Structures are given as structure tokens and as C-alpha cells.
Amino acid sequence: MSDSDLHAGLERDIARAVEDVPGVAFLRPGVYGRLRSDLTAGGRGRAGGRPAGVRMSRAGDGGAWQVDIHLVALAGARTVDVARAVRGAARECMAAGLSVDAVPARVTVTVTGLV
């Protein structure tokens, strides 16, 4: 499996895991995702097949992964608890999807709204 395939697969796995966390209403796409969503994937908030609200990057060769998650939470849930649970779910996906030798990831969760 190439790094690109691994990267895309992990983004999708993380997105699915985050959507299943209690208190998460939905993942929120960024500006790029909003603009591209009308032209690709039928306006479902996915840019070029990438899941909305989850972005992964890696600094240099073998550097630590950076995972940025943007979501909208349910108003009845404690936002801090939702963010912690989302970070934990993302880290579990990273641990399951990467080899044991992989460098740990830095996971940032941003709650952009409440519904």
C-alpha cells in the first residue's frame, strides 16, 4: 500500500470513527471543501473524495502526523467531553492503521459550532 493510499484510508477511517462519537452532529468541511463540494461528489461536503472535516499532513520524511478535525457538536453535549472523545477515537484509528514503529500523531479538534 502506498503512502497516498494509507493516508486516504486513514482519513476515511478517522472520519467514520469521529462521526460515531456521541455528541458529534457532523464533520464540517473547510472553505476548499465547500467550494469543491458543489462540483464534486454531488455537494456532500467531500472534496476530491476526501472526507469533510478531517485533514492529515506529515512534516518531512518520517515526521509526526498532524491530524486536524473540524466538527459541529450537538448542543446538549459537553463540548470538552466530545472533543476529548474525538481525539481518542482519532488516535485509536491512527494506532490501528499505522505500524507499531510509526511516530505518534498530534490530533487537533476544533468545534466550529453547535446544533
PDB file of N, CA and C in Angstrom:
ATOM      1  N   MET A   1       0.850  -1.172   0.000  1.00  0.00           N
ATOM      2  CA  MET A   1       0.000   0.000   0.000  1.00  0.00           C
ATOM      3  C   MET A   1       0.899   1.241   0.000  1.00  0.00           C
ATOM      4  N   SER A   2       0.625   2.161  -0.890  1.00  0.00           N
ATOM      5  CA  SER A   2       1.430   3.379  -0.973  1.00  0.00           C
ATOM      6  C   SER A   2       1.078   4.332   0.159  1.00  0.00           C
ATOM      7  N   ASP A   3       1.959   5.312   0.409  1.00  0.00           N
ATOM      8  CA  ASP A   3       1.688   6.311   1.439  1.00  0.00           C
ATOM      9  C   ASP A   3       0.406   7.074   1.146  1.00  0.00           C
ATOM     10  N   SER A   4       0.165   7.353  -0.126  1.00  0.00           N
ATOM     11  CA  SER A   4      -1.040   8.084  -0.515  1.00  0.00           C
ATOM     12  C   SER A   4      -2.300   7.278  -0.199  1.00  0.00           C
ATOM     13  N   ASP A   5      -2.274   5.974  -0.505  1.00  0.00           N
ATOM     14  CA  ASP A   5      -3.416   5.112  -0.202  1.00  0.00           C
ATOM     15  C   ASP A   5      -3.633   5.001   1.302  1.00  0.00           C
ATOM     16  N   LEU A   6      -2.529   4.850   2.049  1.00  0.00           N
ATOM     17  CA  LEU A   6      -2.607   4.769   3.502  1.00  0.00           C
ATOM     18  C   LEU A   6      -3.208   6.052   4.070  1.00  0.00           C
ATOM     19  N   HIS A   7      -2.727   7.176   3.574  1.00  0.00           N
ATOM     20  CA  HIS A   7      -3.187   8.495   4.016  1.00  0.00           C
ATOM     21  C   HIS A   7      -4.692   8.650   3.770  1.00  0.00           C
ATOM     22  N   ALA A   8      -5.135   8.350   2.566  1.00  0.00           N
ATOM     23  CA  ALA A   8      -6.556   8.481   2.214  1.00  0.00           C
ATOM     24  C   ALA A   8      -7.412   7.527   3.039  1.00  0.00           C
ATOM     25  N   GLY A   9      -6.940   6.306   3.214  1.00  0.00           N
ATOM     26  CA  GLY A   9      -7.681   5.329   4.003  1.00  0.00           C
ATOM     27  C   GLY A   9      -7.801   5.742   5.461  1.00  0.00           C
ATOM     28  N   LEU A  10      -6.724   6.269   6.025  1.00  0.00           N
ATOM     29  CA  LEU A  10      -6.772   6.729   7.413  1.00  0.00           C
ATOM     30  C   LEU A  10      -7.712   7.910   7.585  1.00  0.00           C
ATOM     31  N   GLU A  11      -7.703   8.833   6.640  1.00  0.00           N
ATOM     32  CA  GLU A  11      -8.636   9.967   6.721  1.00  0.00           C
ATOM     33  C   GLU A  11     -10.074   9.474   6.741  1.00  0.00           C
ATOM     34  N   ARG A  12     -10.393   8.519   5.868  1.00  0.00           N
ATOM     35  CA  ARG A  12     -11.760   7.977   5.834  1.00  0.00           C
ATOM     36  C   ARG A  12     -12.102   7.241   7.129  1.00  0.00           C
ATOM     37  N   ASP A  13     -11.149   6.439   7.635  1.00  0.00           N
ATOM     38  CA  ASP A  13     -11.394   5.699   8.875  1.00  0.00           C
ATOM     39  C   ASP A  13     -11.598   6.645  10.053  1.00  0.00           C
ATOM     40  N   ILE A  14     -10.781   7.681  10.120  1.00  0.00           N
ATOM     41  CA  ILE A  14     -10.913   8.664  11.196  1.00  0.00           C
ATOM     42  C   ILE A  14     -12.262   9.376  11.093  1.00  0.00           C
ATOM     43  N   ALA A  15     -12.648   9.756   9.884  1.00  0.00           N
ATOM     44  CA  ALA A  15     -13.936  10.438   9.690  1.00  0.00           C
ATOM     45  C   ALA A  15     -15.092   9.560  10.165  1.00  0.00           C
ATOM     46  N   ARG A  16     -15.063   8.272   9.811  1.00  0.00           N
ATOM     47  CA  ARG A  16     -16.132   7.361  10.242  1.00  0.00           C
ATOM     48  C   ARG A  16     -16.154   7.228  11.765  1.00  0.00           C
ATOM     49  N   ALA A  17     -14.971   7.079  12.365  1.00  0.00           N
ATOM     50  CA  ALA A  17     -14.897   6.930  13.823  1.00  0.00           C
ATOM     51  C   ALA A  17     -15.395   8.185  14.532  1.00  0.00           C
ATOM     52  N   VAL A  18     -15.036   9.346  14.016  1.00  0.00           N
ATOM     53  CA  VAL A  18     -15.449  10.609  14.629  1.00  0.00           C
ATOM     54  C   VAL A  18     -16.958  10.789  14.519  1.00  0.00           C
ATOM     55  N   GLU A  19     -17.529  10.450  13.387  1.00  0.00           N
ATOM     56  CA  GLU A  19     -18.973  10.595  13.210  1.00  0.00           C
ATOM     57  C   GLU A  19     -19.760   9.717  14.181  1.00  0.00           C
ATOM     58  N   ASP A  20     -19.147   8.623  14.671  1.00  0.00           N
ATOM     59  CA  ASP A  20     -19.805   7.712  15.600  1.00  0.00           C
ATOM     60  C   ASP A  20     -19.663   8.132  17.067  1.00  0.00           C
ATOM     61  N   VAL A  21     -18.863   9.156  17.338  1.00  0.00           N
ATOM     62  CA  VAL A  21     -18.675   9.618  18.720  1.00  0.00           C
ATOM     63  C   VAL A  21     -19.949  10.317  19.194  1.00  0.00           C
ATOM     64  N   PRO A  22     -20.468   9.933  20.368  1.00  0.00           N
ATOM     65  CA  PRO A  22     -21.659  10.615  20.888  1.00  0.00           C
ATOM     66  C   PRO A  22     -21.397  12.106  21.063  1.00  0.00           C
ATOM     67  N   GLY A  23     -22.350  12.914  20.628  1.00  0.00           N
ATOM     68  CA  GLY A  23     -22.227  14.362  20.740  1.00  0.00           C
ATOM     69  C   GLY A  23     -21.760  15.043  19.472  1.00  0.00           C
ATOM     70  N   VAL A  24     -21.301  14.270  18.480  1.00  0.00           N
ATOM     71  CA  VAL A  24     -20.879  14.849  17.209  1.00  0.00           C
ATOM     72  C   VAL A  24     -22.086  14.911  16.281  1.00  0.00           C
ATOM     73  N   ALA A  25     -22.400  16.123  15.809  1.00  0.00           N
ATOM     74  CA  ALA A  25     -23.503  16.279  14.863  1.00  0.00           C
ATOM     75  C   ALA A  25     -23.022  15.903  13.454  1.00  0.00           C
ATOM     76  N   PHE A  26     -21.919  16.514  13.027  1.00  0.00           N
ATOM     77  CA  PHE A  26     -21.342  16.197  11.720  1.00  0.00           C
ATOM     78  C   PHE A  26     -19.956  16.815  11.613  1.00  0.00           C
ATOM     79  N   LEU A  27     -19.188  16.312  10.660  1.00  0.00           N
ATOM     80  CA  LEU A  27     -17.878  16.883  10.346  1.00  0.00           C
ATOM     81  C   LEU A  27     -18.092  18.082   9.443  1.00  0.00           C
ATOM     82  N   ARG A  28     -17.320  19.106   9.663  1.00  0.00           N
ATOM     83  CA  ARG A  28     -17.500  20.343   8.901  1.00  0.00           C
ATOM     84  C   ARG A  28     -16.385  20.519   7.884  1.00  0.00           C
ATOM     85  N   PRO A  29     -16.740  20.667   6.626  1.00  0.00           N
ATOM     86  CA  PRO A  29     -15.706  20.891   5.612  1.00  0.00           C
ATOM     87  C   PRO A  29     -15.130  22.298   5.721  1.00  0.00           C
ATOM     88  N   GLY A  30     -13.905  22.454   5.262  1.00  0.00           N
ATOM     89  CA  GLY A  30     -13.294  23.772   5.198  1.00  0.00           C
ATOM     90  C   GLY A  30     -13.790  24.534   3.988  1.00  0.00           C
ATOM     91  N   VAL A  31     -13.226  25.683   3.748  1.00  0.00           N
ATOM     92  CA  VAL A  31     -13.632  26.514   2.610  1.00  0.00           C
ATOM     93  C   VAL A  31     -13.416  25.756   1.300  1.00  0.00           C
ATOM     94  N   TYR A  32     -12.252  25.115   1.170  1.00  0.00           N
ATOM     95  CA  TYR A  32     -11.963  24.356  -0.046  1.00  0.00           C
ATOM     96  C   TYR A  32     -13.029  23.279  -0.262  1.00  0.00           C
ATOM     97  N   GLY A  33     -13.376  22.575   0.793  1.00  0.00           N
ATOM     98  CA  GLY A  33     -14.382  21.530   0.683  1.00  0.00           C
ATOM     99  C   GLY A  33     -15.741  22.066   0.289  1.00  0.00           C
ATOM    100  N   ARG A  34     -16.092  23.225   0.811  1.00  0.00           N
ATOM    101  CA  ARG A  34     -17.379  23.823   0.462  1.00  0.00           C
ATOM    102  C   ARG A  34     -17.424  24.237  -0.999  1.00  0.00           C
ATOM    103  N   LEU A  35     -16.348  24.832  -1.470  1.00  0.00           N
ATOM    104  CA  LEU A  35     -16.317  25.261  -2.866  1.00  0.00           C
ATOM    105  C   LEU A  35     -16.320  24.060  -3.807  1.00  0.00           C
ATOM    106  N   ARG A  36     -15.529  23.049  -3.485  1.00  0.00           N
ATOM    107  CA  ARG A  36     -15.417  21.886  -4.350  1.00  0.00           C
ATOM    108  C   ARG A  36     -16.618  20.955  -4.232  1.00  0.00           C
ATOM    109  N   SER A  37     -17.327  20.992  -3.110  1.00  0.00           N
ATOM    110  CA  SER A  37     -18.398  20.028  -2.899  1.00  0.00           C
ATOM    111  C   SER A  37     -19.523  20.177  -3.914  1.00  0.00           C
ATOM    112  N   ASP A  38     -19.746  21.371  -4.396  1.00  0.00           N
ATOM    113  CA  ASP A  38     -20.795  21.560  -5.387  1.00  0.00           C
ATOM    114  C   ASP A  38     -20.391  21.027  -6.759  1.00  0.00           C
ATOM    115  N   LEU A  39     -19.089  20.956  -7.002  1.00  0.00           N
ATOM    116  CA  LEU A  39     -18.603  20.480  -8.283  1.00  0.00           C
ATOM    117  C   LEU A  39     -18.250  19.001  -8.262  1.00  0.00           C
ATOM    118  N   THR A  40     -17.909  18.474  -7.078  1.00  0.00           N
ATOM    119  CA  THR A  40     -17.540  17.072  -6.957  1.00  0.00           C
ATOM    120  C   THR A  40     -18.427  16.408  -5.933  1.00  0.00           C
ATOM    121  N   ALA A  41     -18.629  15.148  -6.086  1.00  0.00           N
ATOM    122  CA  ALA A  41     -19.336  14.318  -5.099  1.00  0.00           C
ATOM    123  C   ALA A  41     -20.747  14.799  -4.797  1.00  0.00           C
ATOM    124  N   GLY A  42     -21.360  15.520  -5.695  1.00  0.00           N
ATOM    125  CA  GLY A  42     -22.761  15.883  -5.548  1.00  0.00           C
ATOM    126  C   GLY A  42     -23.081  16.764  -4.360  1.00  0.00           C
ATOM    127  N   GLY A  43     -22.129  17.589  -3.945  1.00  0.00           N
ATOM    128  CA  GLY A  43     -22.400  18.519  -2.857  1.00  0.00           C
ATOM    129  C   GLY A  43     -22.472  17.895  -1.486  1.00  0.00           C
ATOM    130  N   ARG A  44     -21.835  16.746  -1.277  1.00  0.00           N
ATOM    131  CA  ARG A  44     -21.911  16.071   0.014  1.00  0.00           C
ATOM    132  C   ARG A  44     -20.808  16.508   0.976  1.00  0.00           C
ATOM    133  N   GLY A  45     -20.108  17.601   0.700  1.00  0.00           N
ATOM    134  CA  GLY A  45     -19.096  18.082   1.617  1.00  0.00           C
ATOM    135  C   GLY A  45     -17.769  17.380   1.487  1.00  0.00           C
ATOM    136  N   ARG A  46     -17.549  16.684   0.383  1.00  0.00           N
ATOM    137  CA  ARG A  46     -16.291  15.965   0.181  1.00  0.00           C
ATOM    138  C   ARG A  46     -15.576  16.571  -1.019  1.00  0.00           C
ATOM    139  N   ALA A  47     -14.323  16.887  -0.815  1.00  0.00           N
ATOM    140  CA  ALA A  47     -13.522  17.482  -1.876  1.00  0.00           C
ATOM    141  C   ALA A  47     -12.605  16.430  -2.461  1.00  0.00           C
ATOM    142  N   GLY A  48     -12.840  16.080  -3.710  1.00  0.00           N
ATOM    143  CA  GLY A  48     -11.972  15.116  -4.365  1.00  0.00           C
ATOM    144  C   GLY A  48     -11.950  13.768  -3.674  1.00  0.00           C
ATOM    145  N   GLY A  49     -13.053  13.352  -3.055  1.00  0.00           N
ATOM    146  CA  GLY A  49     -13.118  12.071  -2.390  1.00  0.00           C
ATOM    147  C   GLY A  49     -12.592  12.094  -0.964  1.00  0.00           C
ATOM    148  N   ARG A  50     -12.072  13.204  -0.510  1.00  0.00           N
ATOM    149  CA  ARG A  50     -11.571  13.313   0.861  1.00  0.00           C
ATOM    150  C   ARG A  50     -12.739  13.590   1.796  1.00  0.00           C
ATOM    151  N   PRO A  51     -12.715  13.001   2.987  1.00  0.00           N
ATOM    152  CA  PRO A  51     -13.820  13.251   3.919  1.00  0.00           C
ATOM    153  C   PRO A  51     -13.820  14.690   4.415  1.00  0.00           C
ATOM    154  N   ALA A  52     -14.989  15.220   4.621  1.00  0.00           N
ATOM    155  CA  ALA A  52     -15.127  16.573   5.150  1.00  0.00           C
ATOM    156  C   ALA A  52     -14.628  16.606   6.580  1.00  0.00           C
ATOM    157  N   GLY A  53     -13.960  17.690   6.948  1.00  0.00           N
ATOM    158  CA  GLY A  53     -13.603  17.917   8.332  1.00  0.00           C
ATOM    159  C   GLY A  53     -12.371  17.218   8.852  1.00  0.00           C
ATOM    160  N   VAL A  54     -11.727  16.364   8.077  1.00  0.00           N
ATOM    161  CA  VAL A  54     -10.516  15.666   8.530  1.00  0.00           C
ATOM    162  C   VAL A  54      -9.396  15.923   7.533  1.00  0.00           C
ATOM    163  N   ARG A  55      -8.292  16.440   8.033  1.00  0.00           N
ATOM    164  CA  ARG A  55      -7.110  16.675   7.198  1.00  0.00           C
ATOM    165  C   ARG A  55      -5.890  16.112   7.898  1.00  0.00           C
ATOM    166  N   MET A  56      -5.111  15.354   7.173  1.00  0.00           N
ATOM    167  CA  MET A  56      -3.872  14.791   7.700  1.00  0.00           C
ATOM    168  C   MET A  56      -2.699  15.333   6.914  1.00  0.00           C
ATOM    169  N   SER A  57      -1.625  15.603   7.612  1.00  0.00           N
ATOM    170  CA  SER A  57      -0.387  16.015   6.956  1.00  0.00           C
ATOM    171  C   SER A  57       0.773  15.453   7.765  1.00  0.00           C
ATOM    172  N   ARG A  58       1.931  15.464   7.137  1.00  0.00           N
ATOM    173  CA  ARG A  58       3.123  14.933   7.789  1.00  0.00           C
ATOM    174  C   ARG A  58       4.298  15.845   7.487  1.00  0.00           C
ATOM    175  N   ALA A  59       4.997  16.238   8.496  1.00  0.00           N
ATOM    176  CA  ALA A  59       6.142  17.130   8.335  1.00  0.00           C
ATOM    177  C   ALA A  59       7.377  16.326   7.924  1.00  0.00           C
ATOM    178  N   GLY A  60       7.788  16.497   6.664  1.00  0.00           N
ATOM    179  CA  GLY A  60       9.004  15.844   6.186  1.00  0.00           C
ATOM    180  C   GLY A  60       8.911  14.333   6.186  1.00  0.00           C
ATOM    181  N   ASP A  61      10.019  13.691   5.858  1.00  0.00           N
ATOM    182  CA  ASP A  61      10.068  12.232   5.837  1.00  0.00           C
ATOM    183  C   ASP A  61      10.147  11.689   7.254  1.00  0.00           C
ATOM    184  N   GLY A  62       9.153  10.909   7.611  1.00  0.00           N
ATOM    185  CA  GLY A  62       9.143  10.276   8.913  1.00  0.00           C
ATOM    186  C   GLY A  62       8.771  11.180  10.066  1.00  0.00           C
ATOM    187  N   GLY A  63       8.324  12.388   9.766  1.00  0.00           N
ATOM    188  CA  GLY A  63       7.909  13.303  10.829  1.00  0.00           C
ATOM    189  C   GLY A  63       6.581  12.888  11.428  1.00  0.00           C
ATOM    190  N   ALA A  64       6.202  13.568  12.461  1.00  0.00           N
ATOM    191  CA  ALA A  64       4.944  13.264  13.136  1.00  0.00           C
ATOM    192  C   ALA A  64       3.753  13.632  12.263  1.00  0.00           C
ATOM    193  N   TRP A  65       2.707  12.848  12.351  1.00  0.00           N
ATOM    194  CA  TRP A  65       1.465  13.149  11.657  1.00  0.00           C
ATOM    195  C   TRP A  65       0.746  14.270  12.387  1.00  0.00           C
ATOM    196  N   GLN A  66       0.111  15.143  11.637  1.00  0.00           N
ATOM    197  CA  GLN A  66      -0.760  16.189  12.179  1.00  0.00           C
ATOM    198  C   GLN A  66      -2.156  15.897  11.645  1.00  0.00           C
ATOM    199  N   VAL A  67      -3.099  15.690  12.543  1.00  0.00           N
ATOM    200  CA  VAL A  67      -4.481  15.418  12.165  1.00  0.00           C
ATOM    201  C   VAL A  67      -5.333  16.575  12.678  1.00  0.00           C
ATOM    202  N   ASP A  68      -6.005  17.256  11.760  1.00  0.00           N
ATOM    203  CA  ASP A  68      -6.891  18.365  12.106  1.00  0.00           C
ATOM    204  C   ASP A  68      -8.329  17.938  11.849  1.00  0.00           C
ATOM    205  N   ILE A  69      -9.154  18.046  12.878  1.00  0.00           N
ATOM    206  CA  ILE A  69     -10.550  17.642  12.774  1.00  0.00           C
ATOM    207  C   ILE A  69     -11.418  18.847  13.116  1.00  0.00           C
ATOM    208  N   HIS A  70     -12.347  19.169  12.207  1.00  0.00           N
ATOM    209  CA  HIS A  70     -13.309  20.256  12.418  1.00  0.00           C
ATOM    210  C   HIS A  70     -14.693  19.642  12.424  1.00  0.00           C
ATOM    211  N   LEU A  71     -15.458  19.952  13.483  1.00  0.00           N
ATOM    212  CA  LEU A  71     -16.776  19.335  13.611  1.00  0.00           C
ATOM    213  C   LEU A  71     -17.772  20.296  14.228  1.00  0.00           C
ATOM    214  N   VAL A  72     -19.025  19.928  14.091  1.00  0.00           N
ATOM    215  CA  VAL A  72     -20.117  20.623  14.753  1.00  0.00           C
ATOM    216  C   VAL A  72     -20.683  19.636  15.770  1.00  0.00           C
ATOM    217  N   ALA A  73     -20.837  20.105  17.006  1.00  0.00           N
ATOM    218  CA  ALA A  73     -21.302  19.243  18.091  1.00  0.00           C
ATOM    219  C   ALA A  73     -22.783  19.481  18.376  1.00  0.00           C
ATOM    220  N   LEU A  74     -23.374  18.533  19.060  1.00  0.00           N
ATOM    221  CA  LEU A  74     -24.761  18.676  19.497  1.00  0.00           C
ATOM    222  C   LEU A  74     -24.802  19.591  20.714  1.00  0.00           C
ATOM    223  N   ALA A  75     -25.781  20.448  20.777  1.00  0.00           N
ATOM    224  CA  ALA A  75     -25.863  21.455  21.835  1.00  0.00           C
ATOM    225  C   ALA A  75     -26.024  20.837  23.222  1.00  0.00           C
ATOM    226  N   GLY A  76     -26.621  19.676  23.333  1.00  0.00           N
ATOM    227  CA  GLY A  76     -26.844  19.052  24.632  1.00  0.00           C
ATOM    228  C   GLY A  76     -25.629  18.370  25.220  1.00  0.00           C
ATOM    229  N   ALA A  77     -24.565  18.242  24.465  1.00  0.00           N
ATOM    230  CA  ALA A  77     -23.364  17.545  24.928  1.00  0.00           C
ATOM    231  C   ALA A  77     -22.332  18.541  25.442  1.00  0.00           C
ATOM    232  N   ARG A  78     -21.532  18.104  26.413  1.00  0.00           N
ATOM    233  CA  ARG A  78     -20.427  18.948  26.878  1.00  0.00           C
ATOM    234  C   ARG A  78     -19.351  18.940  25.806  1.00  0.00           C
ATOM    235  N   THR A  79     -19.052  20.097  25.280  1.00  0.00           N
ATOM    236  CA  THR A  79     -18.137  20.219  24.155  1.00  0.00           C
ATOM    237  C   THR A  79     -16.758  19.666  24.478  1.00  0.00           C
ATOM    238  N   VAL A  80     -16.254  19.910  25.652  1.00  0.00           N
ATOM    239  CA  VAL A  80     -14.919  19.426  26.013  1.00  0.00           C
ATOM    240  C   VAL A  80     -14.884  17.895  26.034  1.00  0.00           C
ATOM    241  N   ASP A  81     -15.956  17.265  26.494  1.00  0.00           N
ATOM    242  CA  ASP A  81     -16.009  15.808  26.503  1.00  0.00           C
ATOM    243  C   ASP A  81     -16.071  15.246  25.091  1.00  0.00           C
ATOM    244  N   VAL A  82     -16.821  15.915  24.230  1.00  0.00           N
ATOM    245  CA  VAL A  82     -16.907  15.497  22.828  1.00  0.00           C
ATOM    246  C   VAL A  82     -15.532  15.605  22.172  1.00  0.00           C
ATOM    247  N   ALA A  83     -14.856  16.722  22.378  1.00  0.00           N
ATOM    248  CA  ALA A  83     -13.529  16.926  21.778  1.00  0.00           C
ATOM    249  C   ALA A  83     -12.544  15.875  22.267  1.00  0.00           C
ATOM    250  N   ARG A  84     -12.554  15.560  23.546  1.00  0.00           N
ATOM    251  CA  ARG A  84     -11.650  14.530  24.083  1.00  0.00           C
ATOM    252  C   ARG A  84     -11.955  13.159  23.489  1.00  0.00           C
ATOM    253  N   ALA A  85     -13.238  12.826  23.381  1.00  0.00           N
ATOM    254  CA  ALA A  85     -13.626  11.535  22.809  1.00  0.00           C
ATOM    255  C   ALA A  85     -13.236  11.450  21.336  1.00  0.00           C
ATOM    256  N   VAL A  86     -13.381  12.544  20.619  1.00  0.00           N
ATOM    257  CA  VAL A  86     -12.998  12.577  19.203  1.00  0.00           C
ATOM    258  C   VAL A  86     -11.489  12.384  19.062  1.00  0.00           C
ATOM    259  N   ARG A  87     -10.721  13.074  19.899  1.00  0.00           N
ATOM    260  CA  ARG A  87      -9.263  12.918  19.854  1.00  0.00           C
ATOM    261  C   ARG A  87      -8.867  11.462  20.136  1.00  0.00           C
ATOM    262  N   GLY A  88      -9.516  10.853  21.120  1.00  0.00           N
ATOM    263  CA  GLY A  88      -9.234   9.454  21.431  1.00  0.00           C
ATOM    264  C   GLY A  88      -9.582   8.520  20.286  1.00  0.00           C
ATOM    265  N   ALA A  89     -10.732   8.745  19.651  1.00  0.00           N
ATOM    266  CA  ALA A  89     -11.138   7.912  18.516  1.00  0.00           C
ATOM    267  C   ALA A  89     -10.157   8.056  17.355  1.00  0.00           C
ATOM    268  N   ALA A  90      -9.705   9.281  17.107  1.00  0.00           N
ATOM    269  CA  ALA A  90      -8.744   9.513  16.025  1.00  0.00           C
ATOM    270  C   ALA A  90      -7.411   8.821  16.321  1.00  0.00           C
ATOM    271  N   ARG A  91      -6.966   8.899  17.555  1.00  0.00           N
ATOM    272  CA  ARG A  91      -5.702   8.247  17.927  1.00  0.00           C
ATOM    273  C   ARG A  91      -5.805   6.734  17.814  1.00  0.00           C
ATOM    274  N   GLU A  92      -6.953   6.173  18.174  1.00  0.00           N
ATOM    275  CA  GLU A  92      -7.149   4.728  18.031  1.00  0.00           C
ATOM    276  C   GLU A  92      -7.080   4.309  16.568  1.00  0.00           C
ATOM    277  N   CYS A  93      -7.684   5.102  15.685  1.00  0.00           N
ATOM    278  CA  CYS A  93      -7.621   4.814  14.251  1.00  0.00           C
ATOM    279  C   CYS A  93      -6.188   4.883  13.739  1.00  0.00           C
ATOM    280  N   MET A  94      -5.462   5.888  14.196  1.00  0.00           N
ATOM    281  CA  MET A  94      -4.070   6.038  13.783  1.00  0.00           C
ATOM    282  C   MET A  94      -3.242   4.837  14.252  1.00  0.00           C
ATOM    283  N   ALA A  95      -3.437   4.413  15.487  1.00  0.00           N
ATOM    284  CA  ALA A  95      -2.690   3.277  16.027  1.00  0.00           C
ATOM    285  C   ALA A  95      -3.022   1.993  15.273  1.00  0.00           C
ATOM    286  N   ALA A  96      -4.293   1.823  14.914  1.00  0.00           N
ATOM    287  CA  ALA A  96      -4.707   0.627  14.192  1.00  0.00           C
ATOM    288  C   ALA A  96      -4.237   0.640  12.743  1.00  0.00           C
ATOM    289  N   GLY A  97      -4.153   1.825  12.160  1.00  0.00           N
ATOM    290  CA  GLY A  97      -3.826   1.928  10.741  1.00  0.00           C
ATOM    291  C   GLY A  97      -2.353   2.054  10.421  1.00  0.00           C
ATOM    292  N   LEU A  98      -1.543   2.386  11.410  1.00  0.00           N
ATOM    293  CA  LEU A  98      -0.115   2.559  11.190  1.00  0.00           C
ATOM    294  C   LEU A  98       0.660   1.441  11.874  1.00  0.00           C
ATOM    295  N   SER A  99       1.864   1.234  11.424  1.00  0.00           N
ATOM    296  CA  SER A  99       2.701   0.208  12.030  1.00  0.00           C
ATOM    297  C   SER A  99       3.096   0.617  13.445  1.00  0.00           C
ATOM    298  N   VAL A 100       3.564  -0.334  14.193  1.00  0.00           N
ATOM    299  CA  VAL A 100       3.962  -0.088  15.576  1.00  0.00           C
ATOM    300  C   VAL A 100       5.101   0.921  15.649  1.00  0.00           C
ATOM    301  N   ASP A 101       5.940   0.969  14.616  1.00  0.00           N
ATOM    302  CA  ASP A 101       7.092   1.862  14.604  1.00  0.00           C
ATOM    303  C   ASP A 101       6.736   3.301  14.244  1.00  0.00           C
ATOM    304  N   ALA A 102       5.480   3.553  13.942  1.00  0.00           N
ATOM    305  CA  ALA A 102       5.097   4.886  13.460  1.00  0.00           C
ATOM    306  C   ALA A 102       5.257   5.945  14.555  1.00  0.00           C
ATOM    307  N   VAL A 103       5.571   7.137  14.113  1.00  0.00           N
ATOM    308  CA  VAL A 103       5.691   8.274  15.016  1.00  0.00           C
ATOM    309  C   VAL A 103       4.288   8.667  15.462  1.00  0.00           C
ATOM    310  N   PRO A 104       4.090   9.000  16.742  1.00  0.00           N
ATOM    311  CA  PRO A 104       2.759   9.377  17.200  1.00  0.00           C
ATOM    312  C   PRO A 104       2.221  10.612  16.482  1.00  0.00           C
ATOM    313  N   ALA A 105       0.914  10.705  16.461  1.00  0.00           N
ATOM    314  CA  ALA A 105       0.263  11.825  15.777  1.00  0.00           C
ATOM    315  C   ALA A 105      -0.135  12.902  16.767  1.00  0.00           C
ATOM    316  N   ARG A 106      -0.180  14.113  16.262  1.00  0.00           N
ATOM    317  CA  ARG A 106      -0.746  15.232  17.019  1.00  0.00           C
ATOM    318  C   ARG A 106      -2.147  15.453  16.456  1.00  0.00           C
ATOM    319  N   VAL A 107      -3.150  15.331  17.306  1.00  0.00           N
ATOM    320  CA  VAL A 107      -4.537  15.448  16.873  1.00  0.00           C
ATOM    321  C   VAL A 107      -5.114  16.740  17.450  1.00  0.00           C
ATOM    322  N   THR A 108      -5.618  17.590  16.555  1.00  0.00           N
ATOM    323  CA  THR A 108      -6.248  18.845  16.953  1.00  0.00           C
ATOM    324  C   THR A 108      -7.729  18.775  16.598  1.00  0.00           C
ATOM    325  N   VAL A 109      -8.582  19.037  17.590  1.00  0.00           N
ATOM    326  CA  VAL A 109     -10.032  19.006  17.375  1.00  0.00           C
ATOM    327  C   VAL A 109     -10.557  20.422  17.560  1.00  0.00           C
ATOM    328  N   THR A 110     -11.281  20.912  16.550  1.00  0.00           N
ATOM    329  CA  THR A 110     -11.885  22.232  16.612  1.00  0.00           C
ATOM    330  C   THR A 110     -13.390  22.085  16.467  1.00  0.00           C
ATOM    331  N   VAL A 111     -14.118  22.538  17.479  1.00  0.00           N
ATOM    332  CA  VAL A 111     -15.576  22.538  17.410  1.00  0.00           C
ATOM    333  C   VAL A 111     -15.985  23.871  16.839  1.00  0.00           C
ATOM    334  N   THR A 112     -16.540  23.849  15.637  1.00  0.00           N
ATOM    335  CA  THR A 112     -16.845  25.086  14.918  1.00  0.00           C
ATOM    336  C   THR A 112     -18.267  25.581  15.128  1.00  0.00           C
ATOM    337  N   GLY A 113     -19.095  24.772  15.781  1.00  0.00           N
ATOM    338  CA  GLY A 113     -20.467  25.197  16.010  1.00  0.00           C
ATOM    339  C   GLY A 113     -21.238  24.184  16.818  1.00  0.00           C
ATOM    340  N   LEU A 114     -22.439  24.563  17.205  1.00  0.00           N
ATOM    341  CA  LEU A 114     -23.351  23.698  17.949  1.00  0.00           C
ATOM    342  C   LEU A 114     -24.703  23.716  17.260  1.00  0.00           C
ATOM    343  N   VAL A 115     -25.353  22.565  17.255  1.00  0.00           N
ATOM    344  CA  VAL A 115     -26.714  22.480  16.720  1.00  0.00           C
ATOM    345  C   VAL A 115     -27.604  21.756  17.692  1.00  0.00           C
TER     346      VAL A 115
END
